[in-house]
Amino acid sequence: LSTARPLFDYFSHISKPTTVIYGELDEYCGEGGGAAAINILKLRQ
């Protein structure tokens, strides 16, 4: 998705309480769907 910065780098700088909700079959998440997206984001925050 990006070659200039680490994937979702800005996400790790959010300091406000946040909830991330994905659909399991989210068609915009690519392989692995929403679960894969959540796993990536959990690494950052």
PDB file of all heavy atoms in Angstrom:
ATOM      1  N   LEU A   1       0.813  -1.199   0.000  1.00  0.00           N
ATOM      2  CA  LEU A   1       0.000   0.000   0.000  1.00  0.00           C
ATOM      3  C   LEU A   1       0.853   1.257   0.000  1.00  0.00           C
ATOM      4  O   LEU A   1       0.422   2.301  -0.408  1.00  0.00           O
ATOM      5  CB  LEU A   1      -0.927   0.010   1.223  1.00  0.00           C
ATOM      6  CG  LEU A   1      -1.919  -1.146   1.303  1.00  0.00           C
ATOM      7  CD1 LEU A   1      -2.732  -1.044   2.579  1.00  0.00           C
ATOM      8  CD2 LEU A   1      -2.833  -1.134   0.095  1.00  0.00           C
ATOM      9  N   SER A   2       2.052   1.148   0.520  1.00  0.00           N
ATOM     10  CA  SER A   2       2.925   2.307   0.593  1.00  0.00           C
ATOM     11  C   SER A   2       4.367   1.834   0.588  1.00  0.00           C
ATOM     12  O   SER A   2       4.711   0.864   1.248  1.00  0.00           O
ATOM     13  CB  SER A   2       2.647   3.104   1.860  1.00  0.00           C
ATOM     14  OG  SER A   2       3.603   4.118   2.031  1.00  0.00           O
ATOM     15  N   THR A   3       5.203   2.541  -0.123  1.00  0.00           N
ATOM     16  CA  THR A   3       6.625   2.209  -0.091  1.00  0.00           C
ATOM     17  C   THR A   3       7.417   3.314   0.596  1.00  0.00           C
ATOM     18  O   THR A   3       8.578   3.124   0.929  1.00  0.00           O
ATOM     19  CB  THR A   3       7.167   2.006  -1.520  1.00  0.00           C
ATOM     20  OG1 THR A   3       6.893   3.182  -2.292  1.00  0.00           O
ATOM     21  CG2 THR A   3       6.528   0.797  -2.174  1.00  0.00           C
ATOM     22  N   ALA A   4       6.782   4.476   0.817  1.00  0.00           N
ATOM     23  CA  ALA A   4       7.474   5.608   1.420  1.00  0.00           C
ATOM     24  C   ALA A   4       7.604   5.479   2.939  1.00  0.00           C
ATOM     25  O   ALA A   4       8.565   5.951   3.522  1.00  0.00           O
ATOM     26  CB  ALA A   4       6.751   6.904   1.077  1.00  0.00           C
ATOM     27  N   ARG A   5       6.636   4.865   3.581  1.00  0.00           N
ATOM     28  CA  ARG A   5       6.612   4.744   5.042  1.00  0.00           C
ATOM     29  C   ARG A   5       6.206   3.314   5.412  1.00  0.00           C
ATOM     30  O   ARG A   5       5.583   2.624   4.619  1.00  0.00           O
ATOM     31  CB  ARG A   5       5.596   5.702   5.647  1.00  0.00           C
ATOM     32  CG  ARG A   5       5.849   7.166   5.348  1.00  0.00           C
ATOM     33  CD  ARG A   5       4.847   8.057   6.044  1.00  0.00           C
ATOM     34  NE  ARG A   5       4.939   7.976   7.487  1.00  0.00           N
ATOM     35  CZ  ARG A   5       5.792   8.677   8.232  1.00  0.00           C
ATOM     36  NH1 ARG A   5       6.622   9.512   7.651  1.00  0.00           N
ATOM     37  NH2 ARG A   5       5.807   8.559   9.532  1.00  0.00           N
ATOM     38  N   PRO A   6       6.522   2.909   6.632  1.00  0.00           N
ATOM     39  CA  PRO A   6       6.032   1.599   7.085  1.00  0.00           C
ATOM     40  C   PRO A   6       4.497   1.566   7.048  1.00  0.00           C
ATOM     41  O   PRO A   6       3.847   2.592   7.273  1.00  0.00           O
ATOM     42  CB  PRO A   6       6.538   1.503   8.524  1.00  0.00           C
ATOM     43  CG  PRO A   6       7.693   2.438   8.594  1.00  0.00           C
ATOM     44  CD  PRO A   6       7.368   3.556   7.629  1.00  0.00           C
ATOM     45  N   LEU A   7       3.948   0.413   6.756  1.00  0.00           N
ATOM     46  CA  LEU A   7       2.502   0.239   6.631  1.00  0.00           C
ATOM     47  C   LEU A   7       1.782   0.700   7.890  1.00  0.00           C
ATOM     48  O   LEU A   7       2.137   0.294   8.993  1.00  0.00           O
ATOM     49  CB  LEU A   7       2.197  -1.230   6.352  1.00  0.00           C
ATOM     50  CG  LEU A   7       0.794  -1.579   5.900  1.00  0.00           C
ATOM     51  CD1 LEU A   7       0.440  -0.838   4.606  1.00  0.00           C
ATOM     52  CD2 LEU A   7       0.698  -3.078   5.668  1.00  0.00           C
ATOM     53  N   PHE A   8       0.821   1.593   7.738  1.00  0.00           N
ATOM     54  CA  PHE A   8       0.002   2.134   8.825  1.00  0.00           C
ATOM     55  C   PHE A   8       0.836   2.841   9.897  1.00  0.00           C
ATOM     56  O   PHE A   8       0.467   2.862  11.064  1.00  0.00           O
ATOM     57  CB  PHE A   8      -0.871   1.049   9.454  1.00  0.00           C
ATOM     58  CG  PHE A   8      -1.843   0.439   8.482  1.00  0.00           C
ATOM     59  CD1 PHE A   8      -1.644  -0.845   8.010  1.00  0.00           C
ATOM     60  CD2 PHE A   8      -2.930   1.160   8.023  1.00  0.00           C
ATOM     61  CE1 PHE A   8      -2.534  -1.415   7.103  1.00  0.00           C
ATOM     62  CE2 PHE A   8      -3.816   0.608   7.111  1.00  0.00           C
ATOM     63  CZ  PHE A   8      -3.621  -0.678   6.657  1.00  0.00           C
ATOM     64  N   ASP A   9       1.936   3.439   9.508  1.00  0.00           N
ATOM     65  CA  ASP A   9       2.801   4.137  10.462  1.00  0.00           C
ATOM     66  C   ASP A   9       2.052   5.215  11.232  1.00  0.00           C
ATOM     67  O   ASP A   9       2.201   5.337  12.437  1.00  0.00           O
ATOM     68  CB  ASP A   9       3.993   4.747   9.721  1.00  0.00           C
ATOM     69  CG  ASP A   9       4.964   5.418  10.668  1.00  0.00           C
ATOM     70  OD1 ASP A   9       5.377   4.760  11.642  1.00  0.00           O
ATOM     71  OD2 ASP A   9       5.306   6.585  10.443  1.00  0.00           O
ATOM     72  N   TYR A  10       1.248   6.019  10.558  1.00  0.00           N
ATOM     73  CA  TYR A  10       0.520   7.094  11.232  1.00  0.00           C
ATOM     74  C   TYR A  10      -0.480   6.555  12.244  1.00  0.00           C
ATOM     75  O   TYR A  10      -0.780   7.207  13.234  1.00  0.00           O
ATOM     76  CB  TYR A  10      -0.199   7.986  10.214  1.00  0.00           C
ATOM     77  CG  TYR A  10       0.746   8.830   9.399  1.00  0.00           C
ATOM     78  CD1 TYR A  10       0.878   8.640   8.034  1.00  0.00           C
ATOM     79  CD2 TYR A  10       1.512   9.818  10.002  1.00  0.00           C
ATOM     80  CE1 TYR A  10       1.742   9.414   7.288  1.00  0.00           C
ATOM     81  CE2 TYR A  10       2.382  10.596   9.271  1.00  0.00           C
ATOM     82  CZ  TYR A  10       2.495  10.388   7.918  1.00  0.00           C
ATOM     83  OH  TYR A  10       3.361  11.148   7.184  1.00  0.00           O
ATOM     84  N   PHE A  11      -1.010   5.386  12.012  1.00  0.00           N
ATOM     85  CA  PHE A  11      -1.987   4.774  12.914  1.00  0.00           C
ATOM     86  C   PHE A  11      -1.401   4.608  14.311  1.00  0.00           C
ATOM     87  O   PHE A  11      -2.083   4.788  15.307  1.00  0.00           O
ATOM     88  CB  PHE A  11      -2.424   3.419  12.341  1.00  0.00           C
ATOM     89  CG  PHE A  11      -3.579   2.791  13.053  1.00  0.00           C
ATOM     90  CD1 PHE A  11      -4.865   3.270  12.865  1.00  0.00           C
ATOM     91  CD2 PHE A  11      -3.387   1.716  13.896  1.00  0.00           C
ATOM     92  CE1 PHE A  11      -5.942   2.687  13.513  1.00  0.00           C
ATOM     93  CE2 PHE A  11      -4.448   1.125  14.547  1.00  0.00           C
ATOM     94  CZ  PHE A  11      -5.735   1.615  14.355  1.00  0.00           C
ATOM     95  N   SER A  12      -0.133   4.298  14.394  1.00  0.00           N
ATOM     96  CA  SER A  12       0.507   4.076  15.693  1.00  0.00           C
ATOM     97  C   SER A  12       0.658   5.358  16.501  1.00  0.00           C
ATOM     98  O   SER A  12       0.933   5.307  17.694  1.00  0.00           O
ATOM     99  CB  SER A  12       1.863   3.405  15.517  1.00  0.00           C
ATOM    100  OG  SER A  12       2.741   4.250  14.821  1.00  0.00           O
ATOM    101  N   HIS A  13       0.448   6.515  15.877  1.00  0.00           N
ATOM    102  CA  HIS A  13       0.594   7.792  16.574  1.00  0.00           C
ATOM    103  C   HIS A  13      -0.726   8.345  17.109  1.00  0.00           C
ATOM    104  O   HIS A  13      -0.737   9.395  17.741  1.00  0.00           O
ATOM    105  CB  HIS A  13       1.241   8.822  15.647  1.00  0.00           C
ATOM    106  CG  HIS A  13       2.614   8.423  15.212  1.00  0.00           C
ATOM    107  ND1 HIS A  13       3.703   8.475  16.047  1.00  0.00           N
ATOM    108  CD2 HIS A  13       3.061   7.918  14.037  1.00  0.00           C
ATOM    109  CE1 HIS A  13       4.770   8.046  15.397  1.00  0.00           C
ATOM    110  NE2 HIS A  13       4.406   7.697  14.173  1.00  0.00           N
ATOM    111  N   ILE A  14      -1.829   7.653  16.887  1.00  0.00           N
ATOM    112  CA  ILE A  14      -3.125   8.094  17.401  1.00  0.00           C
ATOM    113  C   ILE A  14      -3.146   7.880  18.908  1.00  0.00           C
ATOM    114  O   ILE A  14      -2.871   6.777  19.392  1.00  0.00           O
ATOM    115  CB  ILE A  14      -4.285   7.335  16.729  1.00  0.00           C
ATOM    116  CG1 ILE A  14      -4.284   7.587  15.225  1.00  0.00           C
ATOM    117  CG2 ILE A  14      -5.619   7.732  17.352  1.00  0.00           C
ATOM    118  CD1 ILE A  14      -5.243   6.705  14.442  1.00  0.00           C
ATOM    119  N   SER A  15      -3.478   8.919  19.659  1.00  0.00           N
ATOM    120  CA  SER A  15      -3.451   8.809  21.119  1.00  0.00           C
ATOM    121  C   SER A  15      -4.844   8.805  21.743  1.00  0.00           C
ATOM    122  O   SER A  15      -4.976   8.540  22.936  1.00  0.00           O
ATOM    123  CB  SER A  15      -2.627   9.953  21.712  1.00  0.00           C
ATOM    124  OG  SER A  15      -3.187  11.194  21.357  1.00  0.00           O
ATOM    125  N   LYS A  16      -5.874   9.071  20.988  1.00  0.00           N
ATOM    126  CA  LYS A  16      -7.242   9.064  21.510  1.00  0.00           C
ATOM    127  C   LYS A  16      -7.763   7.630  21.582  1.00  0.00           C
ATOM    128  O   LYS A  16      -7.425   6.800  20.728  1.00  0.00           O
ATOM    129  CB  LYS A  16      -8.176   9.871  20.602  1.00  0.00           C
ATOM    130  CG  LYS A  16      -7.795  11.307  20.431  1.00  0.00           C
ATOM    131  CD  LYS A  16      -8.191  12.098  21.641  1.00  0.00           C
ATOM    132  CE  LYS A  16      -7.883  13.569  21.409  1.00  0.00           C
ATOM    133  NZ  LYS A  16      -8.062  14.356  22.580  1.00  0.00           N
ATOM    134  N   PRO A  17      -8.595   7.317  22.583  1.00  0.00           N
ATOM    135  CA  PRO A  17      -9.203   5.980  22.629  1.00  0.00           C
ATOM    136  C   PRO A  17      -9.972   5.712  21.326  1.00  0.00           C
ATOM    137  O   PRO A  17     -10.721   6.575  20.863  1.00  0.00           O
ATOM    138  CB  PRO A  17     -10.160   6.062  23.815  1.00  0.00           C
ATOM    139  CG  PRO A  17      -9.644   7.182  24.648  1.00  0.00           C
ATOM    140  CD  PRO A  17      -9.028   8.162  23.682  1.00  0.00           C
ATOM    141  N   THR A  18      -9.755   4.568  20.756  1.00  0.00           N
ATOM    142  CA  THR A  18     -10.310   4.256  19.440  1.00  0.00           C
ATOM    143  C   THR A  18     -10.773   2.812  19.390  1.00  0.00           C
ATOM    144  O   THR A  18     -10.147   1.932  19.980  1.00  0.00           O
ATOM    145  CB  THR A  18      -9.242   4.479  18.348  1.00  0.00           C
ATOM    146  OG1 THR A  18      -8.810   5.844  18.413  1.00  0.00           O
ATOM    147  CG2 THR A  18      -9.758   4.177  16.970  1.00  0.00           C
ATOM    148  N   THR A  19     -11.867   2.582  18.678  1.00  0.00           N
ATOM    149  CA  THR A  19     -12.335   1.229  18.409  1.00  0.00           C
ATOM    150  C   THR A  19     -12.348   1.033  16.901  1.00  0.00           C
ATOM    151  O   THR A  19     -12.851   1.879  16.166  1.00  0.00           O
ATOM    152  CB  THR A  19     -13.750   1.005  18.977  1.00  0.00           C
ATOM    153  OG1 THR A  19     -13.702   1.154  20.391  1.00  0.00           O
ATOM    154  CG2 THR A  19     -14.257  -0.382  18.636  1.00  0.00           C
ATOM    155  N   VAL A  20     -11.813  -0.075  16.461  1.00  0.00           N
ATOM    156  CA  VAL A  20     -11.749  -0.423  15.043  1.00  0.00           C
ATOM    157  C   VAL A  20     -12.701  -1.587  14.816  1.00  0.00           C
ATOM    158  O   VAL A  20     -12.603  -2.614  15.491  1.00  0.00           O
ATOM    159  CB  VAL A  20     -10.314  -0.823  14.640  1.00  0.00           C
ATOM    160  CG1 VAL A  20     -10.264  -1.251  13.192  1.00  0.00           C
ATOM    161  CG2 VAL A  20      -9.347   0.319  14.915  1.00  0.00           C
ATOM    162  N   ILE A  21     -13.628  -1.421  13.870  1.00  0.00           N
ATOM    163  CA  ILE A  21     -14.606  -2.471  13.578  1.00  0.00           C
ATOM    164  C   ILE A  21     -14.534  -2.793  12.093  1.00  0.00           C
ATOM    165  O   ILE A  21     -14.655  -1.906  11.247  1.00  0.00           O
ATOM    166  CB  ILE A  21     -16.029  -2.022  13.949  1.00  0.00           C
ATOM    167  CG1 ILE A  21     -16.098  -1.621  15.422  1.00  0.00           C
ATOM    168  CG2 ILE A  21     -17.039  -3.126  13.630  1.00  0.00           C
ATOM    169  CD1 ILE A  21     -17.401  -0.974  15.840  1.00  0.00           C
ATOM    170  N   TYR A  22     -14.330  -4.062  11.801  1.00  0.00           N
ATOM    171  CA  TYR A  22     -14.299  -4.535  10.417  1.00  0.00           C
ATOM    172  C   TYR A  22     -15.312  -5.655  10.243  1.00  0.00           C
ATOM    173  O   TYR A  22     -15.588  -6.403  11.175  1.00  0.00           O
ATOM    174  CB  TYR A  22     -12.923  -5.121  10.054  1.00  0.00           C
ATOM    175  CG  TYR A  22     -11.931  -4.119   9.545  1.00  0.00           C
ATOM    176  CD1 TYR A  22     -10.972  -3.569  10.381  1.00  0.00           C
ATOM    177  CD2 TYR A  22     -11.924  -3.730   8.207  1.00  0.00           C
ATOM    178  CE1 TYR A  22     -10.042  -2.656   9.919  1.00  0.00           C
ATOM    179  CE2 TYR A  22     -10.998  -2.818   7.728  1.00  0.00           C
ATOM    180  CZ  TYR A  22     -10.068  -2.291   8.587  1.00  0.00           C
ATOM    181  OH  TYR A  22      -9.149  -1.385   8.109  1.00  0.00           O
ATOM    182  N   GLY A  23     -15.803  -5.779   9.023  1.00  0.00           N
ATOM    183  CA  GLY A  23     -16.604  -6.935   8.667  1.00  0.00           C
ATOM    184  C   GLY A  23     -15.659  -8.070   8.293  1.00  0.00           C
ATOM    185  O   GLY A  23     -14.620  -7.848   7.668  1.00  0.00           O
ATOM    186  N   GLU A  24     -16.021  -9.276   8.675  1.00  0.00           N
ATOM    187  CA  GLU A  24     -15.195 -10.454   8.384  1.00  0.00           C
ATOM    188  C   GLU A  24     -14.910 -10.585   6.890  1.00  0.00           C
ATOM    189  O   GLU A  24     -13.807 -10.945   6.489  1.00  0.00           O
ATOM    190  CB  GLU A  24     -15.922 -11.708   8.880  1.00  0.00           C
ATOM    191  CG  GLU A  24     -15.255 -12.999   8.512  1.00  0.00           C
ATOM    192  CD  GLU A  24     -16.104 -14.221   8.823  1.00  0.00           C
ATOM    193  OE1 GLU A  24     -17.347 -14.104   8.879  1.00  0.00           O
ATOM    194  OE2 GLU A  24     -15.514 -15.284   9.001  1.00  0.00           O
ATOM    195  N   LEU A  25     -15.904 -10.266   6.077  1.00  0.00           N
ATOM    196  CA  LEU A  25     -15.791 -10.453   4.624  1.00  0.00           C
ATOM    197  C   LEU A  25     -15.572  -9.132   3.884  1.00  0.00           C
ATOM    198  O   LEU A  25     -15.939  -9.000   2.715  1.00  0.00           O
ATOM    199  CB  LEU A  25     -17.058 -11.140   4.095  1.00  0.00           C
ATOM    200  CG  LEU A  25     -17.427 -12.451   4.790  1.00  0.00           C
ATOM    201  CD1 LEU A  25     -18.755 -12.980   4.267  1.00  0.00           C
ATOM    202  CD2 LEU A  25     -16.320 -13.478   4.628  1.00  0.00           C
ATOM    203  N   ASP A  26     -14.958  -8.160   4.541  1.00  0.00           N
ATOM    204  CA  ASP A  26     -14.721  -6.849   3.934  1.00  0.00           C
ATOM    205  C   ASP A  26     -13.964  -7.025   2.619  1.00  0.00           C
ATOM    206  O   ASP A  26     -12.826  -7.479   2.594  1.00  0.00           O
ATOM    207  CB  ASP A  26     -13.931  -5.959   4.892  1.00  0.00           C
ATOM    208  CG  ASP A  26     -13.861  -4.516   4.430  1.00  0.00           C
ATOM    209  OD1 ASP A  26     -13.653  -4.288   3.214  1.00  0.00           O
ATOM    210  OD2 ASP A  26     -14.000  -3.628   5.269  1.00  0.00           O
ATOM    211  N   GLU A  27     -14.611  -6.649   1.546  1.00  0.00           N
ATOM    212  CA  GLU A  27     -14.056  -6.863   0.213  1.00  0.00           C
ATOM    213  C   GLU A  27     -12.895  -5.935  -0.126  1.00  0.00           C
ATOM    214  O   GLU A  27     -12.195  -6.147  -1.111  1.00  0.00           O
ATOM    215  CB  GLU A  27     -15.157  -6.744  -0.856  1.00  0.00           C
ATOM    216  CG  GLU A  27     -15.861  -5.418  -0.920  1.00  0.00           C
ATOM    217  CD  GLU A  27     -17.050  -5.272   0.033  1.00  0.00           C
ATOM    218  OE1 GLU A  27     -17.118  -5.935   1.071  1.00  0.00           O
ATOM    219  OE2 GLU A  27     -17.919  -4.434  -0.285  1.00  0.00           O
ATOM    220  N   TYR A  28     -12.652  -4.922   0.692  1.00  0.00           N
ATOM    221  CA  TYR A  28     -11.550  -3.995   0.434  1.00  0.00           C
ATOM    222  C   TYR A  28     -10.293  -4.347   1.227  1.00  0.00           C
ATOM    223  O   TYR A  28      -9.287  -3.655   1.118  1.00  0.00           O
ATOM    224  CB  TYR A  28     -11.978  -2.560   0.753  1.00  0.00           C
ATOM    225  CG  TYR A  28     -13.074  -2.092  -0.173  1.00  0.00           C
ATOM    226  CD1 TYR A  28     -14.390  -2.047   0.262  1.00  0.00           C
ATOM    227  CD2 TYR A  28     -12.792  -1.726  -1.485  1.00  0.00           C
ATOM    228  CE1 TYR A  28     -15.406  -1.639  -0.592  1.00  0.00           C
ATOM    229  CE2 TYR A  28     -13.798  -1.318  -2.340  1.00  0.00           C
ATOM    230  CZ  TYR A  28     -15.100  -1.275  -1.879  1.00  0.00           C
ATOM    231  OH  TYR A  28     -16.103  -0.872  -2.731  1.00  0.00           O
ATOM    232  N   CYS A  29     -10.337  -5.402   1.999  1.00  0.00           N
ATOM    233  CA  CYS A  29      -9.183  -5.784   2.826  1.00  0.00           C
ATOM    234  C   CYS A  29      -8.262  -6.775   2.141  1.00  0.00           C
ATOM    235  O   CYS A  29      -7.199  -7.086   2.662  1.00  0.00           O
ATOM    236  CB  CYS A  29      -9.665  -6.378   4.155  1.00  0.00           C
ATOM    237  SG  CYS A  29     -10.416  -5.160   5.222  1.00  0.00           S
ATOM    238  N   GLY A  30      -8.654  -7.287   1.006  1.00  0.00           N
ATOM    239  CA  GLY A  30      -7.821  -8.263   0.316  1.00  0.00           C
ATOM    240  C   GLY A  30      -7.862  -9.618   0.990  1.00  0.00           C
ATOM    241  O   GLY A  30      -8.796  -9.939   1.728  1.00  0.00           O
ATOM    242  N   GLU A  31      -6.846 -10.392   0.742  1.00  0.00           N
ATOM    243  CA  GLU A  31      -6.757 -11.748   1.289  1.00  0.00           C
ATOM    244  C   GLU A  31      -6.789 -11.718   2.819  1.00  0.00           C
ATOM    245  O   GLU A  31      -6.080 -10.956   3.453  1.00  0.00           O
ATOM    246  CB  GLU A  31      -5.445 -12.384   0.826  1.00  0.00           C
ATOM    247  CG  GLU A  31      -5.298 -13.832   1.206  1.00  0.00           C
ATOM    248  CD  GLU A  31      -3.992 -14.404   0.708  1.00  0.00           C
ATOM    249  OE1 GLU A  31      -3.553 -13.991  -0.390  1.00  0.00           O
ATOM    250  OE2 GLU A  31      -3.418 -15.237   1.415  1.00  0.00           O
ATOM    251  N   GLY A  32      -7.646 -12.514   3.398  1.00  0.00           N
ATOM    252  CA  GLY A  32      -7.752 -12.555   4.853  1.00  0.00           C
ATOM    253  C   GLY A  32      -8.856 -11.689   5.414  1.00  0.00           C
ATOM    254  O   GLY A  32      -9.194 -11.781   6.586  1.00  0.00           O
ATOM    255  N   GLY A  33      -9.429 -10.820   4.574  1.00  0.00           N
ATOM    256  CA  GLY A  33     -10.559  -9.998   4.986  1.00  0.00           C
ATOM    257  C   GLY A  33     -10.288  -9.123   6.195  1.00  0.00           C
ATOM    258  O   GLY A  33      -9.162  -8.721   6.464  1.00  0.00           O
ATOM    259  N   GLY A  34     -11.349  -8.843   6.922  1.00  0.00           N
ATOM    260  CA  GLY A  34     -11.272  -7.958   8.073  1.00  0.00           C
ATOM    261  C   GLY A  34     -10.365  -8.466   9.172  1.00  0.00           C
ATOM    262  O   GLY A  34      -9.703  -7.680   9.854  1.00  0.00           O
ATOM    263  N   ALA A  35     -10.302  -9.779   9.349  1.00  0.00           N
ATOM    264  CA  ALA A  35      -9.436 -10.346  10.394  1.00  0.00           C
ATOM    265  C   ALA A  35      -7.974 -10.019  10.121  1.00  0.00           C
ATOM    266  O   ALA A  35      -7.228  -9.663  11.041  1.00  0.00           O
ATOM    267  CB  ALA A  35      -9.636 -11.857  10.486  1.00  0.00           C
ATOM    268  N   ALA A  36      -7.560 -10.093   8.873  1.00  0.00           N
ATOM    269  CA  ALA A  36      -6.174  -9.777   8.523  1.00  0.00           C
ATOM    270  C   ALA A  36      -5.881  -8.301   8.766  1.00  0.00           C
ATOM    271  O   ALA A  36      -4.820  -7.948   9.291  1.00  0.00           O
ATOM    272  CB  ALA A  36      -5.898 -10.140   7.062  1.00  0.00           C
ATOM    273  N   ALA A  37      -6.844  -7.440   8.419  1.00  0.00           N
ATOM    274  CA  ALA A  37      -6.661  -6.003   8.640  1.00  0.00           C
ATOM    275  C   ALA A  37      -6.524  -5.707  10.128  1.00  0.00           C
ATOM    276  O   ALA A  37      -5.646  -4.947  10.546  1.00  0.00           O
ATOM    277  CB  ALA A  37      -7.828  -5.227   8.051  1.00  0.00           C
ATOM    278  N   ILE A  38      -7.370  -6.319  10.935  1.00  0.00           N
ATOM    279  CA  ILE A  38      -7.294  -6.112  12.379  1.00  0.00           C
ATOM    280  C   ILE A  38      -5.954  -6.588  12.924  1.00  0.00           C
ATOM    281  O   ILE A  38      -5.335  -5.912  13.752  1.00  0.00           O
ATOM    282  CB  ILE A  38      -8.478  -6.807  13.093  1.00  0.00           C
ATOM    283  CG1 ILE A  38      -9.764  -6.000  12.854  1.00  0.00           C
ATOM    284  CG2 ILE A  38      -8.206  -6.968  14.585  1.00  0.00           C
ATOM    285  CD1 ILE A  38     -11.015  -6.646  13.390  1.00  0.00           C
ATOM    286  N   ASN A  39      -5.484  -7.714  12.470  1.00  0.00           N
ATOM    287  CA  ASN A  39      -4.195  -8.223  12.950  1.00  0.00           C
ATOM    288  C   ASN A  39      -3.056  -7.257  12.636  1.00  0.00           C
ATOM    289  O   ASN A  39      -2.161  -7.048  13.458  1.00  0.00           O
ATOM    290  CB  ASN A  39      -3.902  -9.598  12.364  1.00  0.00           C
ATOM    291  CG  ASN A  39      -4.777 -10.665  12.963  1.00  0.00           C
ATOM    292  OD1 ASN A  39      -5.251 -10.541  14.094  1.00  0.00           O
ATOM    293  ND2 ASN A  39      -5.015 -11.724  12.214  1.00  0.00           N
ATOM    294  N   ILE A  40      -3.086  -6.655  11.465  1.00  0.00           N
ATOM    295  CA  ILE A  40      -2.052  -5.682  11.088  1.00  0.00           C
ATOM    296  C   ILE A  40      -2.142  -4.452  11.987  1.00  0.00           C
ATOM    297  O   ILE A  40      -1.138  -3.960  12.500  1.00  0.00           O
ATOM    298  CB  ILE A  40      -2.199  -5.279   9.605  1.00  0.00           C
ATOM    299  CG1 ILE A  40      -1.854  -6.459   8.703  1.00  0.00           C
ATOM    300  CG2 ILE A  40      -1.313  -4.080   9.278  1.00  0.00           C
ATOM    301  CD1 ILE A  40      -2.263  -6.271   7.257  1.00  0.00           C
ATOM    302  N   LEU A  41      -3.358  -3.948  12.187  1.00  0.00           N
ATOM    303  CA  LEU A  41      -3.535  -2.749  13.003  1.00  0.00           C
ATOM    304  C   LEU A  41      -3.185  -2.984  14.470  1.00  0.00           C
ATOM    305  O   LEU A  41      -2.647  -2.098  15.134  1.00  0.00           O
ATOM    306  CB  LEU A  41      -4.960  -2.224  12.859  1.00  0.00           C
ATOM    307  CG  LEU A  41      -5.336  -1.751  11.456  1.00  0.00           C
ATOM    308  CD1 LEU A  41      -6.802  -1.355  11.404  1.00  0.00           C
ATOM    309  CD2 LEU A  41      -4.447  -0.602  11.005  1.00  0.00           C
ATOM    310  N   LYS A  42      -3.468  -4.178  14.967  1.00  0.00           N
ATOM    311  CA  LYS A  42      -3.122  -4.505  16.363  1.00  0.00           C
ATOM    312  C   LYS A  42      -1.618  -4.439  16.606  1.00  0.00           C
ATOM    313  O   LYS A  42      -1.175  -4.111  17.698  1.00  0.00           O
ATOM    314  CB  LYS A  42      -3.621  -5.906  16.732  1.00  0.00           C
ATOM    315  CG  LYS A  42      -5.058  -5.959  17.127  1.00  0.00           C
ATOM    316  CD  LYS A  42      -5.420  -7.377  17.549  1.00  0.00           C
ATOM    317  CE  LYS A  42      -6.838  -7.479  18.008  1.00  0.00           C
ATOM    318  NZ  LYS A  42      -7.187  -8.875  18.388  1.00  0.00           N
ATOM    319  N   LEU A  43      -0.840  -4.748  15.583  1.00  0.00           N
ATOM    320  CA  LEU A  43       0.612  -4.648  15.719  1.00  0.00           C
ATOM    321  C   LEU A  43       1.039  -3.199  15.913  1.00  0.00           C
ATOM    322  O   LEU A  43       2.006  -2.921  16.621  1.00  0.00           O
ATOM    323  CB  LEU A  43       1.311  -5.231  14.483  1.00  0.00           C
ATOM    324  CG  LEU A  43       1.169  -6.734  14.283  1.00  0.00           C
ATOM    325  CD1 LEU A  43       1.764  -7.131  12.928  1.00  0.00           C
ATOM    326  CD2 LEU A  43       1.831  -7.492  15.409  1.00  0.00           C
ATOM    327  N   ARG A  44       0.331  -2.279  15.282  1.00  0.00           N
ATOM    328  CA  ARG A  44       0.657  -0.853  15.366  1.00  0.00           C
ATOM    329  C   ARG A  44       0.091  -0.195  16.618  1.00  0.00           C
ATOM    330  O   ARG A  44       0.669   0.739  17.142  1.00  0.00           O
ATOM    331  CB  ARG A  44       0.123  -0.108  14.140  1.00  0.00           C
ATOM    332  CG  ARG A  44       0.861  -0.426  12.898  1.00  0.00           C
ATOM    333  CD  ARG A  44       2.162   0.306  12.925  1.00  0.00           C
ATOM    334  NE  ARG A  44       2.940   0.000  11.742  1.00  0.00           N
ATOM    335  CZ  ARG A  44       4.215   0.256  11.672  1.00  0.00           C
ATOM    336  NH1 ARG A  44       4.848   0.789  12.676  1.00  0.00           N
ATOM    337  NH2 ARG A  44       4.870  -0.055  10.593  1.00  0.00           N
ATOM    338  N   GLN A  45      -1.086  -0.657  17.067  1.00  0.00           N
ATOM    339  CA  GLN A  45      -1.752  -0.002  18.189  1.00  0.00           C
ATOM    340  C   GLN A  45      -2.528  -1.050  19.006  1.00  0.00           C
ATOM    341  O   GLN A  45      -3.743  -1.184  18.897  1.00  0.00           O
ATOM    342  CB  GLN A  45      -2.696   1.079  17.645  1.00  0.00           C
ATOM    343  CG  GLN A  45      -3.162   2.112  18.621  1.00  0.00           C
ATOM    344  CD  GLN A  45      -2.087   2.812  19.388  1.00  0.00           C
ATOM    345  OE1 GLN A  45      -1.595   2.268  20.350  1.00  0.00           O
ATOM    346  NE2 GLN A  45      -1.722   4.014  18.974  1.00  0.00           N
TER     347      GLN A  45
END
